[in-house]
Protein backbone atom coordinates (compact mmCIF):
# COMPACT_ATOMS: atom_id res chain seq x y z
CA MET A 1 3.83 30.46 -24.26
CA VAL A 2 4.32 33.90 -25.93
CA ASN A 3 5.76 33.76 -29.46
CA ARG A 4 8.94 35.87 -29.32
CA LYS A 5 9.94 35.51 -32.85
CA PRO A 6 10.00 38.77 -34.89
CA PRO A 7 7.36 38.90 -37.78
CA GLY A 8 10.06 39.32 -40.45
CA ILE A 9 11.68 35.96 -39.58
CA TYR A 10 8.78 34.10 -41.14
CA VAL A 11 9.78 35.35 -44.60
CA LEU A 12 13.25 34.17 -44.38
CA PRO A 13 14.18 30.72 -45.78
CA SER A 14 14.51 27.72 -43.42
CA LEU A 15 18.09 26.75 -42.65
CA SER A 16 19.82 23.81 -40.78
CA ARG A 17 20.77 24.28 -37.25
CA GLU A 18 24.42 24.96 -38.05
CA SER A 19 23.63 27.28 -40.76
CA ARG A 20 21.08 29.01 -38.71
CA ASN A 21 23.54 29.56 -35.92
CA VAL A 22 26.15 31.24 -38.36
CA ALA A 23 23.52 33.22 -40.27
CA TYR A 24 22.00 34.66 -37.16
CA ARG A 25 25.20 35.59 -35.53
CA ALA A 26 26.32 37.42 -38.55
CA TRP A 27 22.88 39.06 -38.83
CA ILE A 28 22.88 40.36 -35.28
CA LEU A 29 26.19 42.08 -35.83
CA ILE A 30 24.99 43.57 -39.06
CA LEU A 31 21.70 44.82 -37.71
CA THR A 32 23.07 46.22 -34.44
CA PHE A 33 25.85 47.81 -36.45
CA LEU A 34 23.24 49.62 -38.46
CA VAL A 35 21.16 50.53 -35.43
CA TYR A 36 23.97 52.32 -33.51
CA THR A 37 25.32 53.83 -36.72
CA CYS A 38 21.87 55.67 -36.88
CA TYR A 39 22.03 56.60 -33.28
CA HIS A 40 25.36 58.31 -33.68
CA MET A 41 24.30 59.70 -37.20
CA SER A 42 21.42 61.53 -35.49
CA LYS A 43 23.62 63.05 -32.81
CA LYS A 44 26.09 64.63 -35.27
CA PRO A 45 24.07 67.28 -37.04
CA VAL A 46 24.06 69.73 -34.19
CA SER A 47 27.85 70.05 -34.32
CA VAL A 48 27.75 70.71 -38.07
CA VAL A 49 24.73 73.26 -37.94
CA LYS A 50 26.41 75.25 -35.23
CA ASN A 51 28.40 76.90 -37.71
CA VAL A 52 25.39 78.49 -39.57
CA LEU A 53 23.35 79.16 -36.46
CA TYR A 54 25.99 81.72 -35.73
CA ARG A 55 28.55 82.94 -38.26
CA ASN A 56 30.43 86.13 -38.85
CA CYS A 57 29.65 86.79 -42.56
CA SER A 58 32.42 89.31 -43.04
CA VAL A 59 35.13 86.91 -42.34
CA PRO A 60 36.87 85.62 -45.50
CA ILE A 61 36.62 81.92 -46.42
CA LYS A 62 39.55 79.80 -47.57
CA ASP A 63 39.98 77.87 -50.72
CA GLY A 64 37.90 80.06 -53.22
CA TYR A 65 34.71 80.22 -51.42
CA GLU A 66 33.04 83.51 -52.02
CA LEU A 67 32.84 86.16 -49.42
CA GLU A 68 29.27 87.05 -48.31
CA ILE A 69 28.54 90.68 -47.91
CA ALA A 70 25.99 92.14 -45.58
CA PRO A 71 23.14 94.00 -47.19
CA ASP A 72 24.06 97.20 -45.26
CA ASN A 73 27.71 96.71 -45.35
CA THR A 74 27.85 97.04 -41.52
CA SER A 75 26.16 93.95 -40.07
CA THR A 76 28.43 91.01 -39.63
CA THR A 77 25.86 88.50 -38.42
CA PHE A 78 23.02 89.03 -40.77
CA CYS A 79 23.10 85.46 -41.75
CA ASP A 80 22.68 84.02 -38.15
CA TRP A 81 19.59 82.13 -37.03
CA ALA A 82 17.93 83.62 -34.04
CA PRO A 83 18.14 83.17 -31.07
CA PHE A 84 21.72 82.18 -31.54
CA ASP A 85 22.67 85.49 -33.00
CA GLN A 86 23.59 87.04 -29.57
CA PRO A 87 26.98 87.88 -28.25
CA ASN A 88 26.68 84.81 -25.80
CA HIS A 89 26.06 82.60 -28.76
CA LYS A 90 28.71 80.09 -27.70
CA GLU A 91 26.91 79.65 -24.40
CA LEU A 92 23.49 79.24 -26.18
CA LEU A 93 25.12 76.66 -28.47
CA GLY A 94 26.57 74.89 -25.54
CA SER A 95 23.32 74.75 -23.73
CA LEU A 96 22.06 72.44 -26.75
CA ASP A 97 24.85 70.09 -25.98
CA LEU A 98 24.11 70.22 -22.14
CA ALA A 99 20.45 69.62 -22.49
CA PHE A 100 20.99 66.58 -24.65
CA LEU A 101 23.95 65.07 -22.87
CA PHE A 102 22.67 65.43 -19.30
CA SER A 103 19.32 63.96 -20.28
CA TYR A 104 21.11 61.17 -22.15
CA ALA A 105 23.36 60.46 -19.09
CA PHE A 106 20.21 60.54 -16.78
CA GLY A 107 18.34 58.15 -19.06
CA MET A 108 21.22 55.75 -19.34
CA PHE A 109 21.33 54.75 -15.75
CA PHE A 110 17.66 53.67 -16.07
CA SER A 111 17.64 52.31 -19.77
CA GLY A 112 19.78 49.28 -18.99
CA HIS A 113 17.60 48.39 -15.96
CA ILE A 114 14.48 48.62 -18.13
CA ALA A 115 16.02 46.92 -21.09
CA GLU A 116 16.67 43.83 -18.97
CA ARG A 117 13.02 43.65 -18.01
CA LEU A 118 11.47 44.26 -21.52
CA ASN A 119 11.68 42.46 -24.76
CA LEU A 120 14.74 44.22 -26.39
CA ARG A 121 13.08 44.08 -29.79
CA TYR A 122 10.22 46.29 -28.64
CA PHE A 123 12.36 48.59 -26.49
CA LEU A 124 15.12 49.07 -29.08
CA SER A 125 12.70 49.50 -32.06
CA GLY A 126 10.54 52.01 -30.17
CA GLY A 127 13.51 53.89 -28.90
CA MET A 128 14.88 54.10 -32.60
CA MET A 129 11.56 55.49 -34.01
CA LEU A 130 11.47 58.13 -31.38
CA VAL A 131 15.02 59.05 -31.91
CA GLY A 132 14.10 59.53 -35.67
CA ILE A 133 11.02 61.60 -34.85
CA PHE A 134 12.87 64.09 -32.50
CA THR A 135 15.96 64.36 -34.64
CA ALA A 136 13.67 65.42 -37.52
CA ALA A 137 11.69 67.69 -35.14
CA PHE A 138 14.86 69.86 -34.56
CA GLY A 139 15.13 70.44 -38.31
CA MET A 140 11.43 71.51 -38.35
CA GLY A 141 12.51 74.60 -36.63
CA TYR A 142 14.08 75.70 -39.91
CA PHE A 143 11.05 75.01 -42.08
CA PHE A 144 8.58 76.58 -39.66
CA ASN A 145 10.82 79.41 -38.93
CA ILE A 146 10.91 78.86 -35.06
CA HIS A 147 13.29 81.02 -33.12
CA SER A 148 12.60 80.10 -29.49
CA ILE A 149 15.49 78.79 -27.49
CA TYR A 150 13.03 76.64 -25.44
CA PHE A 151 11.96 74.77 -28.42
CA TYR A 152 15.44 73.63 -29.38
CA VAL A 153 16.51 72.91 -25.87
CA GLY A 154 13.33 71.07 -25.20
CA ILE A 155 13.78 68.93 -28.33
CA GLN A 156 17.33 68.18 -27.15
CA VAL A 157 16.17 67.12 -23.77
CA VAL A 158 13.73 64.57 -25.06
CA SER A 159 16.18 63.53 -27.69
CA GLY A 160 18.84 62.63 -25.12
CA LEU A 161 16.38 60.44 -23.08
CA VAL A 162 15.40 58.44 -26.09
CA GLN A 163 18.87 58.13 -27.28
CA SER A 164 19.72 56.35 -24.04
CA SER A 165 17.73 53.35 -25.26
CA GLY A 166 20.29 52.35 -27.66
CA TRP A 167 23.66 51.41 -26.19
CA PRO A 168 22.63 49.03 -23.41
CA SER A 169 20.23 47.38 -25.77
CA VAL A 170 22.76 46.70 -28.56
CA VAL A 171 25.48 45.55 -26.29
CA ALA A 172 23.00 43.22 -24.59
CA CYS A 173 21.87 41.79 -27.97
CA VAL A 174 25.54 41.15 -29.14
CA GLY A 175 26.45 39.76 -25.69
CA ASN A 176 23.58 37.30 -25.92
CA TRP A 177 24.87 35.93 -29.07
CA TYR A 178 28.59 36.02 -28.55
CA GLY A 179 30.78 34.45 -25.96
CA LYS A 180 33.99 35.89 -24.82
CA GLY A 181 36.47 34.39 -27.30
CA LYS A 182 37.96 37.29 -29.39
CA ARG A 183 35.46 39.68 -27.89
CA GLY A 184 37.90 42.55 -28.05
CA LEU A 185 38.56 42.32 -31.82
CA ILE A 186 34.96 41.48 -32.67
CA MET A 187 33.52 44.37 -30.70
CA GLY A 188 36.42 46.67 -31.83
CA ILE A 189 35.40 46.11 -35.40
CA TRP A 190 31.58 46.24 -34.52
CA ASN A 191 32.17 49.34 -32.52
CA SER A 192 33.25 51.28 -35.53
CA HIS A 193 29.50 52.02 -36.01
CA THR A 194 30.13 54.97 -33.77
CA SER A 195 32.60 56.56 -36.06
CA VAL A 196 30.81 55.47 -39.11
CA GLY A 197 27.55 57.10 -37.82
CA ASN A 198 29.55 60.33 -36.91
CA ILE A 199 30.97 60.26 -40.53
CA LEU A 200 27.57 59.82 -42.12
CA GLY A 201 26.09 62.42 -39.87
CA SER A 202 28.78 64.95 -40.77
CA LEU A 203 28.46 64.24 -44.58
CA ILE A 204 24.67 64.30 -44.64
CA ALA A 205 24.37 67.43 -42.47
CA GLY A 206 27.16 68.99 -44.33
CA ALA A 207 25.44 68.49 -47.72
CA PHE A 208 22.57 70.62 -46.61
CA VAL A 209 24.06 72.93 -44.00
CA THR A 210 24.84 75.94 -46.23
CA THR A 211 21.61 75.77 -48.17
CA SER A 212 18.79 74.51 -46.10
CA TRP A 213 19.99 73.19 -42.64
CA GLY A 214 16.68 71.73 -41.60
CA TRP A 215 17.34 68.88 -43.92
CA SER A 216 20.56 68.20 -42.02
CA PHE A 217 18.23 66.77 -39.29
CA ALA A 218 15.35 65.59 -41.30
CA VAL A 219 17.31 63.16 -43.49
CA PRO A 220 19.01 61.43 -40.53
CA GLY A 221 15.77 61.35 -38.68
CA LEU A 222 13.93 59.66 -41.53
CA ILE A 223 16.66 57.03 -41.97
CA THR A 224 16.79 56.29 -38.21
CA PHE A 225 13.00 55.80 -38.19
CA GLY A 226 13.21 53.49 -41.05
CA ILE A 227 15.95 51.20 -39.43
CA GLY A 228 13.76 51.17 -36.32
CA VAL A 229 10.95 49.56 -38.33
CA MET A 230 13.52 47.04 -39.67
CA VAL A 231 14.51 46.30 -36.06
CA PHE A 232 10.92 45.63 -35.05
CA LEU A 233 10.61 43.20 -38.04
CA PHE A 234 13.88 41.37 -37.85
CA LEU A 235 15.78 41.72 -34.59
CA VAL A 236 16.39 38.46 -32.62
CA PRO A 237 17.70 39.43 -29.33
CA ASP A 238 18.17 36.06 -27.80
CA PRO A 239 19.37 32.76 -29.49
CA GLU A 240 16.57 30.80 -27.68
CA ASP A 241 13.94 32.79 -29.57
CA VAL A 242 14.83 31.04 -32.81
CA GLY A 243 16.24 27.76 -31.54
CA CYS A 244 19.88 28.69 -31.90
CA ASP A 245 22.78 27.63 -29.79
CA MET A 246 23.51 29.65 -26.78
CA PRO A 247 27.04 31.03 -26.62
CA ASP A 248 29.65 29.82 -24.17
CA GLN A 249 29.49 32.49 -21.54
CA HIS A 250 29.93 30.31 -18.32
CA GLY A 251 31.81 27.34 -19.36
CA THR A 252 28.77 25.55 -20.74
CA HIS A 253 27.18 25.11 -24.15
CA VAL A 254 23.46 25.24 -24.29
CA VAL A 255 21.42 24.05 -27.33
CA ALA A 256 17.80 25.11 -27.66
CA GLU A 257 15.43 22.75 -29.14
CA HIS A 258 11.88 23.28 -29.80
CA GLY A 259 11.45 25.78 -27.00
CA THR A 260 13.37 23.80 -24.38
CA ASN A 261 16.98 23.97 -23.31
CA LYS A 262 19.44 21.01 -23.23
CA THR A 263 22.77 21.60 -21.54
CA LEU A 264 25.78 19.87 -22.93
CA ASN A 265 29.36 19.39 -21.81
CA ILE A 266 29.03 20.84 -18.44
CA ASP A 267 31.94 20.29 -15.95
CA PRO A 268 30.52 20.82 -12.42
CA VAL A 269 32.22 23.55 -10.28
CA GLU A 270 32.15 23.42 -6.53
CA PRO A 271 30.93 26.53 -5.36
CA SER A 272 32.57 28.58 -2.62
CA SER A 273 31.47 27.79 0.91
CA GLU A 274 30.13 31.32 1.38
CA ASP A 275 27.63 30.94 -1.48
CA GLY A 276 25.74 28.41 0.69
CA ASP A 277 24.35 26.83 -2.49
CA ASP A 278 25.12 23.17 -3.46
CA LEU A 279 22.96 22.80 -6.37
CA TYR A 280 25.95 22.42 -8.71
CA HIS A 281 27.88 20.13 -6.22
CA GLU A 282 28.92 16.73 -7.75
CA GLN A 283 26.15 16.72 -10.33
CA SER A 284 25.66 17.95 -13.91
CA TYR A 285 23.10 20.46 -14.51
CA SER A 286 21.60 18.32 -17.20
CA SER A 287 20.92 15.51 -14.81
CA ILE A 288 18.77 17.74 -12.58
CA ASP A 289 15.14 17.55 -12.85
CA ALA A 290 13.03 20.08 -14.66
CA SER A 291 11.61 21.85 -11.74
CA THR A 292 15.16 22.33 -10.14
CA GLN A 293 16.54 23.49 -13.53
CA ALA A 294 13.80 26.18 -13.57
CA LEU A 295 14.79 27.36 -10.04
CA ILE A 296 18.38 27.58 -10.99
CA LYS A 297 17.51 29.50 -14.28
CA HIS A 298 15.54 31.93 -12.25
CA LYS A 299 18.41 32.59 -9.91
CA GLN A 300 20.84 32.97 -12.97
CA GLU A 301 18.50 35.36 -14.85
CA LYS A 302 17.57 37.63 -11.91
CA PRO A 303 18.51 41.20 -13.16
CA ILE A 304 21.20 42.92 -11.17
CA THR A 305 20.39 46.24 -9.63
CA ILE A 306 22.05 49.57 -10.67
CA TRP A 307 23.47 49.86 -7.14
CA GLY A 308 24.73 46.24 -7.11
CA ALA A 309 26.55 46.79 -10.57
CA PHE A 310 28.67 49.48 -9.02
CA PHE A 311 30.23 46.85 -6.58
CA ILE A 312 31.25 44.63 -9.42
CA PRO A 313 35.14 44.86 -9.24
CA GLY A 314 36.50 47.09 -11.88
CA VAL A 315 33.22 48.92 -12.73
CA ALA A 316 34.00 52.02 -10.57
CA GLU A 317 37.48 52.40 -12.01
CA PHE A 318 36.47 51.90 -15.60
CA SER A 319 33.39 54.14 -15.07
CA LEU A 320 35.50 57.06 -13.76
CA CYS A 321 38.01 56.52 -16.52
CA LEU A 322 35.12 56.60 -19.09
CA PHE A 323 33.90 59.67 -17.48
CA CYS A 324 37.19 61.53 -18.40
CA ALA A 325 37.70 59.86 -21.74
CA LYS A 326 34.18 60.52 -22.98
CA LEU A 327 34.50 64.14 -21.89
CA VAL A 328 37.34 64.35 -24.40
CA SER A 329 35.72 62.35 -27.20
CA TYR A 330 32.44 64.13 -26.96
CA THR A 331 33.95 67.61 -26.80
CA PHE A 332 35.48 66.64 -30.28
CA LEU A 333 32.16 65.23 -31.42
CA PHE A 334 30.19 68.34 -30.73
CA TRP A 335 32.81 71.13 -31.28
CA LEU A 336 35.41 69.88 -33.77
CA PRO A 337 33.62 71.33 -36.84
CA ASN A 338 33.36 74.63 -35.13
CA TYR A 339 36.91 74.60 -34.01
CA ILE A 340 38.13 73.81 -37.64
CA GLU A 341 35.91 76.60 -38.99
CA HIS A 342 37.28 79.07 -36.29
CA THR A 343 41.00 78.13 -36.71
CA ALA A 344 41.30 77.20 -40.39
CA HIS A 345 38.50 79.52 -41.72
CA TYR A 346 36.83 76.83 -43.81
CA ASP A 347 33.21 77.11 -44.65
CA ALA A 348 30.65 74.94 -42.64
CA GLU A 349 30.44 72.10 -45.21
CA LYS A 350 34.26 71.76 -45.56
CA SER A 351 34.68 71.96 -41.78
CA ALA A 352 32.22 69.09 -41.43
CA ASP A 353 34.09 67.01 -44.19
CA VAL A 354 37.44 67.52 -42.47
CA SER A 355 36.24 66.75 -39.09
CA THR A 356 35.22 63.23 -40.38
CA LEU A 357 38.91 62.36 -40.29
CA PHE A 358 38.75 62.23 -36.51
CA ASP A 359 36.12 59.55 -36.82
CA VAL A 360 38.08 57.63 -39.35
CA GLY A 361 40.97 57.49 -36.80
CA GLY A 362 38.34 56.41 -34.15
CA ILE A 363 37.54 53.30 -36.29
CA VAL A 364 41.36 52.38 -36.54
CA GLY A 365 41.73 53.16 -32.76
CA GLY A 366 38.76 50.89 -31.77
CA ILE A 367 39.88 48.05 -33.89
CA ALA A 368 43.51 48.31 -32.75
CA ALA A 369 42.46 48.48 -29.06
CA GLY A 370 40.43 45.43 -29.32
CA LEU A 371 42.97 43.46 -31.30
CA ILE A 372 45.91 44.41 -28.96
CA SER A 373 43.88 43.52 -25.69
CA ASP A 374 42.81 40.24 -27.20
CA ASN A 375 46.17 39.10 -28.18
CA PHE A 376 48.41 40.54 -25.43
CA GLY A 377 45.76 40.65 -22.56
CA GLY A 378 45.16 43.63 -20.33
CA ARG A 379 42.23 45.86 -21.26
CA ALA A 380 43.26 48.45 -18.78
CA THR A 381 46.85 48.42 -19.91
CA THR A 382 45.88 48.90 -23.50
CA CYS A 383 43.69 51.87 -22.61
CA ALA A 384 46.36 53.34 -20.48
CA VAL A 385 49.07 53.31 -23.24
CA MET A 386 46.66 55.00 -25.72
CA LEU A 387 45.74 57.65 -23.15
CA ILE A 388 49.45 58.33 -22.50
CA LEU A 389 50.00 58.97 -26.27
CA ALA A 390 46.80 60.93 -26.70
CA ALA A 391 47.83 63.93 -24.48
CA PRO A 392 50.94 65.05 -26.63
CA VAL A 393 49.09 64.27 -29.85
CA MET A 394 46.18 66.82 -28.84
CA TYR A 395 48.79 69.43 -27.73
CA ILE A 396 50.43 69.11 -31.25
CA TYR A 397 47.04 69.25 -33.01
CA ASN A 398 46.15 72.55 -31.30
CA LEU A 399 49.39 74.06 -32.35
CA TYR A 400 49.81 72.86 -35.94
CA GLY A 401 46.44 71.59 -36.96
CA SER A 402 45.31 74.63 -38.82
CA LEU A 403 48.52 75.24 -40.69
CA SER A 404 47.32 73.44 -43.84
CA LEU A 405 44.75 70.96 -45.01
CA ALA A 406 47.26 68.14 -44.77
CA HIS A 407 48.17 68.98 -41.07
CA SER A 408 44.41 69.19 -40.20
CA ILE A 409 43.70 65.80 -41.93
CA GLY A 410 46.73 64.05 -40.41
CA LEU A 411 46.49 65.25 -36.89
CA SER A 412 42.66 64.89 -36.77
CA PHE A 413 43.07 61.23 -37.72
CA ALA A 414 45.94 60.62 -35.18
CA CYS A 415 43.79 62.42 -32.48
CA GLY A 416 40.73 60.27 -33.26
CA THR A 417 42.73 57.06 -33.10
CA LEU A 418 44.15 57.67 -29.54
CA VAL A 419 41.13 59.43 -28.06
CA ASN A 420 38.54 56.97 -29.27
CA GLY A 421 40.54 53.85 -28.84
CA PRO A 422 40.16 53.59 -25.04
CA TYR A 423 36.61 54.95 -25.12
CA ALA A 424 35.55 52.27 -27.70
CA LEU A 425 37.32 49.42 -25.78
CA ILE A 426 35.72 50.46 -22.42
CA THR A 427 32.18 50.81 -23.63
CA THR A 428 32.19 47.49 -25.62
CA ALA A 429 34.61 44.72 -24.60
CA VAL A 430 35.32 45.89 -21.10
CA SER A 431 31.51 46.40 -20.36
CA ALA A 432 30.74 42.92 -21.92
CA ASP A 433 33.50 41.32 -19.83
CA LEU A 434 32.18 42.90 -16.60
CA GLY A 435 28.71 41.91 -17.48
CA THR A 436 29.21 38.19 -17.99
CA HIS A 437 30.92 35.44 -15.93
CA LYS A 438 33.18 32.69 -17.11
CA VAL A 439 33.56 29.51 -15.02
CA LEU A 440 37.18 27.95 -15.32
CA GLU A 441 36.28 24.62 -16.91
CA GLY A 442 35.84 22.89 -13.57
CA ASN A 443 39.30 23.56 -12.21
CA THR A 444 38.39 24.68 -8.73
CA LYS A 445 41.99 25.22 -7.58
CA ALA A 446 42.66 27.37 -10.80
CA LEU A 447 39.47 29.37 -10.10
CA ALA A 448 40.50 30.14 -6.55
CA THR A 449 44.10 31.07 -7.37
CA VAL A 450 43.29 33.15 -10.56
CA THR A 451 40.33 34.85 -8.96
CA ALA A 452 42.41 35.92 -6.00
CA VAL A 453 44.98 37.62 -8.28
CA ILE A 454 42.61 39.15 -10.69
CA ASP A 455 39.96 40.11 -8.31
CA GLY A 456 39.25 43.74 -8.64
CA THR A 457 41.10 44.32 -12.04
CA GLY A 458 38.04 44.64 -14.10
CA SER A 459 39.65 43.29 -17.13
CA ILE A 460 38.04 39.73 -16.89
CA GLY A 461 34.51 39.44 -15.68
CA THR A 462 35.17 36.25 -13.55
CA HIS A 463 34.11 37.45 -10.16
CA LYS A 464 31.55 35.53 -7.98
CA VAL A 465 29.36 38.58 -7.95
CA LEU A 466 28.09 37.78 -11.39
CA GLU A 467 28.19 33.98 -11.18
CA GLY A 468 25.54 32.57 -13.30
CA ASN A 469 23.84 35.93 -13.80
CA THR A 470 23.25 36.25 -17.52
CA LYS A 471 21.05 39.32 -17.10
CA ALA A 472 23.71 41.71 -15.78
CA LEU A 473 25.06 42.91 -19.12
CA ALA A 474 22.73 45.77 -20.02
CA THR A 475 22.77 47.08 -16.49
CA VAL A 476 26.56 47.01 -16.24
CA THR A 477 26.91 48.64 -19.60
CA ALA A 478 24.41 51.32 -18.70
CA VAL A 479 26.19 52.12 -15.47
CA ILE A 480 29.56 52.34 -17.05
CA ASP A 481 28.29 54.45 -20.10
CA GLY A 482 25.99 56.43 -18.01
CA THR A 483 28.86 57.58 -15.85
CA GLY A 484 30.87 58.37 -18.84
CA SER A 485 28.05 60.23 -20.37
CA ILE A 486 28.11 62.75 -17.43
CA GLY A 487 31.53 63.55 -18.49
CA ALA A 488 30.43 63.76 -22.12
CA ALA A 489 27.94 66.32 -20.95
CA ILE A 490 30.47 68.38 -18.93
CA GLY A 491 33.12 68.51 -21.78
CA PRO A 492 30.96 70.17 -24.41
CA LEU A 493 29.43 72.55 -21.77
CA LEU A 494 32.90 73.68 -20.69
CA ALA A 495 34.05 74.08 -24.26
CA GLY A 496 31.01 76.36 -24.79
CA LEU A 497 31.95 78.34 -21.71
CA ILE A 498 35.74 78.67 -22.21
CA PRO A 499 36.18 81.58 -24.59
CA VAL A 500 39.76 80.64 -25.84
CA TRP A 501 40.37 77.43 -27.85
CA ASN A 502 43.83 76.99 -26.29
CA ASP A 503 42.23 76.68 -22.94
CA VAL A 504 39.75 74.17 -24.16
CA PHE A 505 42.66 71.95 -25.24
CA ILE A 506 44.28 72.27 -21.86
CA MET A 507 41.05 71.11 -20.28
CA LEU A 508 40.98 68.03 -22.69
CA ILE A 509 44.62 67.17 -21.98
CA ILE A 510 44.00 67.41 -18.09
CA SER A 511 40.91 65.19 -18.48
CA ASP A 512 42.96 62.69 -20.48
CA ILE A 513 45.59 62.47 -17.72
CA LEU A 514 42.82 62.01 -15.06
CA ALA A 515 41.40 59.13 -17.18
CA LEU A 516 44.74 57.58 -17.03
CA LEU A 517 45.14 57.96 -13.26
CA CYS A 518 41.89 56.06 -12.82
CA LEU A 519 43.41 52.99 -14.43
CA VAL A 520 46.71 52.94 -12.38
CA ARG A 521 45.55 50.22 -10.04
CA LEU A 522 44.04 48.07 -12.57
CA VAL A 523 47.13 48.23 -14.78
CA TYR A 524 49.23 47.20 -11.67
CA LYS A 525 46.92 44.22 -11.16
CA GLU A 526 47.23 43.20 -14.75
CA LEU A 527 50.97 43.46 -14.78
CA ARG A 528 51.17 41.48 -11.48
CA LEU A 529 48.89 38.72 -13.07
CA ASP A 530 51.13 38.65 -16.06
CA ARG A 531 54.18 38.08 -13.96
CA LEU A 532 52.61 35.41 -11.94
CA LEU A 533 51.40 33.52 -15.00
CA GLY A 534 54.94 33.80 -16.35
CA CYS A 535 56.46 32.52 -13.23
CA THR A 536 54.07 29.42 -13.23
CA GLY A 537 54.76 28.79 -16.85
CA ASP A 538 51.11 29.17 -17.97
């Protein structure tokens, strides 16, 4: 039997079973948090460096920054970086985002499929190291004085592909260790790594952008590579690898002992007649002989196909919603520092610092969305309410965000809260819900009734399509986030092509409304379920 324990585990002190369960669950959250913080930290420098790749050096800078004067007193772009010193500079800068995001979206559809078939520790650590290498490689263009658009676009294409290794892998790791429980709150807090990474990326890139922008990429790249090494040494993607208890995903509690599984407290559920499978009928899993258990486990762990994931109820609606929501979020991610510099006339470093308030709001929004959906139910309804509020806030931000520093900070924060809240909830708790199955504690009548009502809502992953399949999580996550990533590619592209910022915000508001419309059926189903449960007194 292949030893799946990471090498770094052997230097850790031995713990009792109970202590080991707690310690490893905490460790998996911390390590995957650091992992995806690095993934987003390495995405952010491009948006910050755009302000020095093309800048009009004759435009005054606010708040005491000295005005740069061209040597011949005529050139206004002498401080640009070729090839981005052309009149079509916005399209060229947009091509960097397009190359990265489309290759990221393309890779996302396959990365989840691959992640479920490989050891997650190898896949994720290798992906992180490559992300670090290619992030730093972009900055090498500065140190080696490279001015070819093909170099920068090529680096972005490869970076997008290797970046796609991250999200399905970390969600699968967390899903392996945590049951449903308070998944919205846990993942809402955990998902703040996205905004923390954006903030760190902005601050690190901003610290070097006006002096030596190559370091804006090299430093995040080195950090990401180092965390990739840590992942290889210490990541435990599956509780079974270290003899820890399996989470309660399917109404069972599985304890791993010395490389074997012992199943406890299983209430048998009679399968529907259309399944044609009576393995669970009138017997406990723990009473079945070893060969039959192996057969059942093989069936349960057979990875779901990408095509099959699309047919899981709720995946299509949430995927299309995320397409529109991520279009808005990633347009802010890649263009907000440039927008602030253009409208408020701050320098590149200060624009990057102010833009971090959008990501601080994203942390609050993600946690709030998870907490609300856990306590009041209705993932789709929670997303819909935040999307409704986001549209007017974006409109107000475009009108008044540049009036003063206080306006810019306050409205950036509010915008980030409402824009990133639904995006965070869909890519974490919703994806995890749809990628796992929960059996209703042996109550076959309750299972039939509730499933009939919630079938297709996508807010609870209790559909027979996924029954017993513990290996669907990474694929479902990849399908939802991959579809959203196509929108993430289109948004920054359109922002680069649309010449007027007012029109960019109109595009963002329309996309927000379309995201809301995608959830109408799911919201109706959730509200209908609430009424039904209220009438039955449950």
